[in-house]
Every structure is written in C-alpha cells, then in structure tokens.
C-alpha cells in the first residue's frame, strides 16, 4: 500500500481511532524522510562522479606518462560507478 492509499484510507475510514490516525501520519512522515534520504544519497553519488570526471580532465590536461596511467585507472573507476548506477537494487553482485 503506497502513501496515497494510506491517505485515502485515513480519509475514508470512519472507524479509525486516534491511534490509527497517528500511525498513518507517522508512516507518511517516515516515507517522506526516506525519500529525502534517497535524494541526498543520489546527490552525493552524482557529486562523487563529477569529481572523478573533473580529476580525469585535469590529468588529461597534463599528459605525462604517469598521468596517462592515472587517467586509465580513473576512467575505470568512472565506468564501474556508472555500471553501479544502472544495476537495479535487487541485483546481487
């Protein structure tokens, strides 16, 4: 049952007592907090990926042999991060 169903249940249920209403409100607050946390984690992940790409660009600007090796390694990390983004949460590594 999603939050819209719970909300409609609360409005339609004439037999709901004050305790049930509090539980339903708590579930709504918990759902909102979880969505906020998910958004926060995604933002952190995106910033991390952006930082890796910026590092790759900086290494490409220098172009020394050691920087080329680092570029390859950073590129591999970016590729792994992108694969992790695509994989569904239900997939087991």
C-alpha atoms as a PDB file:
ATOM      1  CA  UNK A   1       0.000   0.000   0.000  1.00  0.00           C
ATOM      2  CA  UNK A   2       1.560   3.310  -1.018  1.00  0.00           C
ATOM      3  CA  UNK A   3       1.199   6.628   0.776  1.00  0.00           C
ATOM      4  CA  UNK A   4      -1.715   7.770  -1.416  1.00  0.00           C
ATOM      5  CA  UNK A   5      -3.646   4.642  -0.472  1.00  0.00           C
ATOM      6  CA  UNK A   6      -2.907   5.245   3.197  1.00  0.00           C
ATOM      7  CA  UNK A   7      -4.057   8.849   2.921  1.00  0.00           C
ATOM      8  CA  UNK A   8      -7.300   7.876   1.192  1.00  0.00           C
ATOM      9  CA  UNK A   9      -7.790   5.137   3.788  1.00  0.00           C
ATOM     10  CA  UNK A  10      -7.434   7.706   6.543  1.00  0.00           C
ATOM     11  CA  UNK A  11      -9.993   9.991   4.940  1.00  0.00           C
ATOM     12  CA  UNK A  12     -12.458   7.220   4.097  1.00  0.00           C
ATOM     13  CA  UNK A  13     -12.245   5.254   7.314  1.00  0.00           C
ATOM     14  CA  UNK A  14     -14.895   6.449   9.717  1.00  0.00           C
ATOM     15  CA  UNK A  15     -13.868   3.824  12.265  1.00  0.00           C
ATOM     16  CA  UNK A  16     -10.243   4.923  12.579  1.00  0.00           C
ATOM     17  CA  UNK A  17      -9.371   5.856  16.098  1.00  0.00           C
ATOM     18  CA  UNK A  18      -6.854   8.496  17.138  1.00  0.00           C
ATOM     19  CA  UNK A  19      -4.123   5.866  17.482  1.00  0.00           C
ATOM     20  CA  UNK A  20      -4.608   4.649  13.902  1.00  0.00           C
ATOM     21  CA  UNK A  21      -4.534   8.225  12.626  1.00  0.00           C
ATOM     22  CA  UNK A  22      -1.231   8.795  14.461  1.00  0.00           C
ATOM     23  CA  UNK A  23       0.223   5.627  12.962  1.00  0.00           C
ATOM     24  CA  UNK A  24      -0.840   6.687   9.475  1.00  0.00           C
ATOM     25  CA  UNK A  25       0.684  10.150   9.966  1.00  0.00           C
ATOM     26  CA  UNK A  26       3.888   8.556  11.232  1.00  0.00           C
ATOM     27  CA  UNK A  27       4.057   6.333   8.134  1.00  0.00           C
ATOM     28  CA  UNK A  28       3.642   9.428   5.933  1.00  0.00           C
ATOM     29  CA  UNK A  29       6.436  11.232   7.772  1.00  0.00           C
ATOM     30  CA  UNK A  30       8.685   8.180   7.595  1.00  0.00           C
ATOM     31  CA  UNK A  31       8.036   7.817   3.868  1.00  0.00           C
ATOM     32  CA  UNK A  32       8.888  11.479   3.284  1.00  0.00           C
ATOM     33  CA  UNK A  33      12.094  11.129   5.328  1.00  0.00           C
ATOM     34  CA  UNK A  34      13.150   8.062   3.361  1.00  0.00           C
ATOM     35  CA  UNK A  35      12.566   9.825   0.040  1.00  0.00           C
ATOM     36  CA  UNK A  36      14.636  12.768   1.294  1.00  0.00           C
ATOM     37  CA  UNK A  37      17.449  10.402   2.309  1.00  0.00           C
ATOM     38  CA  UNK A  38      17.389   8.688  -1.091  1.00  0.00           C
ATOM     39  CA  UNK A  39      17.615  12.073  -2.817  1.00  0.00           C
ATOM     40  CA  UNK A  40      20.529  13.061  -0.578  1.00  0.00           C
ATOM     41  CA  UNK A  41      22.431   9.837  -1.338  1.00  0.00           C
ATOM     42  CA  UNK A  42      21.862  10.278  -5.076  1.00  0.00           C
ATOM     43  CA  UNK A  43      23.163  13.843  -4.893  1.00  0.00           C
ATOM     44  CA  UNK A  44      26.306  12.687  -3.072  1.00  0.00           C
ATOM     45  CA  UNK A  45      26.826   9.929  -5.648  1.00  0.00           C
ATOM     46  CA  UNK A  46      26.456  12.395  -8.525  1.00  0.00           C
ATOM     47  CA  UNK A  47      28.918  14.801  -6.917  1.00  0.00           C
ATOM     48  CA  UNK A  48      31.422  11.964  -6.465  1.00  0.00           C
ATOM     49  CA  UNK A  49      31.101  11.010 -10.122  1.00  0.00           C
ATOM     50  CA  UNK A  50      31.520  14.656 -11.157  1.00  0.00           C
ATOM     51  CA  UNK A  51      34.679  14.899  -9.027  1.00  0.00           C
ATOM     52  CA  UNK A  52      36.108  11.803 -10.720  1.00  0.00           C
ATOM     53  CA  UNK A  53      35.367  13.270 -14.148  1.00  0.00           C
ATOM     54  CA  UNK A  54      37.000  16.571 -13.143  1.00  0.00           C
ATOM     55  CA  UNK A  55      40.079  14.669 -11.991  1.00  0.00           C
ATOM     56  CA  UNK A  56      40.182  12.839 -15.315  1.00  0.00           C
ATOM     57  CA  UNK A  57      40.010  16.155 -17.178  1.00  0.00           C
ATOM     58  CA  UNK A  58      42.833  17.609 -15.068  1.00  0.00           C
ATOM     59  CA  UNK A  59      45.017  14.567 -15.736  1.00  0.00           C
ATOM     60  CA  UNK A  60      44.305  14.800 -19.461  1.00  0.00           C
ATOM     61  CA  UNK A  61      45.499  18.402 -19.487  1.00  0.00           C
ATOM     62  CA  UNK A  62      48.947  17.441 -18.162  1.00  0.00           C
ATOM     63  CA  UNK A  63      49.589  14.370 -20.302  1.00  0.00           C
ATOM     64  CA  UNK A  64      52.697  12.881 -18.637  1.00  0.00           C
ATOM     65  CA  UNK A  65      53.140   9.082 -18.779  1.00  0.00           C
ATOM     66  CA  UNK A  66      52.248   8.666 -15.109  1.00  0.00           C
ATOM     67  CA  UNK A  67      49.180  10.847 -15.615  1.00  0.00           C
ATOM     68  CA  UNK A  68      48.123   8.672 -18.546  1.00  0.00           C
ATOM     69  CA  UNK A  69      48.211   5.634 -16.245  1.00  0.00           C
ATOM     70  CA  UNK A  70      46.183   7.510 -13.647  1.00  0.00           C
ATOM     71  CA  UNK A  71      43.732   8.562 -16.362  1.00  0.00           C
ATOM     72  CA  UNK A  72      43.198   4.937 -17.256  1.00  0.00           C
ATOM     73  CA  UNK A  73      42.578   3.984 -13.637  1.00  0.00           C
ATOM     74  CA  UNK A  74      40.216   6.922 -13.020  1.00  0.00           C
ATOM     75  CA  UNK A  75      38.392   6.066 -16.243  1.00  0.00           C
ATOM     76  CA  UNK A  76      37.919   2.508 -14.996  1.00  0.00           C
ATOM     77  CA  UNK A  77      36.556   3.796 -11.686  1.00  0.00           C
ATOM     78  CA  UNK A  78      34.095   6.029 -13.538  1.00  0.00           C
ATOM     79  CA  UNK A  79      32.989   3.066 -15.637  1.00  0.00           C
ATOM     80  CA  UNK A  80      32.446   0.941 -12.502  1.00  0.00           C
ATOM     81  CA  UNK A  81      30.468   3.743 -10.850  1.00  0.00           C
ATOM     82  CA  UNK A  82      28.241   4.108 -13.908  1.00  0.00           C
ATOM     83  CA  UNK A  83      27.614   0.357 -14.018  1.00  0.00           C
ATOM     84  CA  UNK A  84      26.613   0.505 -10.363  1.00  0.00           C
ATOM     85  CA  UNK A  85      24.138   3.269 -11.194  1.00  0.00           C
ATOM     86  CA  UNK A  86      22.495   1.186 -13.898  1.00  0.00           C
ATOM     87  CA  UNK A  87      22.246  -2.027 -11.886  1.00  0.00           C
ATOM     88  CA  UNK A  88      18.949  -2.489 -10.108  1.00  0.00           C
ATOM     89  CA  UNK A  89      18.929  -2.638  -6.275  1.00  0.00           C
ATOM     90  CA  UNK A  90      17.630  -6.199  -6.445  1.00  0.00           C
ATOM     91  CA  UNK A  91      20.685  -7.441  -8.363  1.00  0.00           C
ATOM     92  CA  UNK A  92      23.245  -9.273  -6.313  1.00  0.00           C
ATOM     93  CA  UNK A  93      26.894  -8.529  -7.142  1.00  0.00           C
END
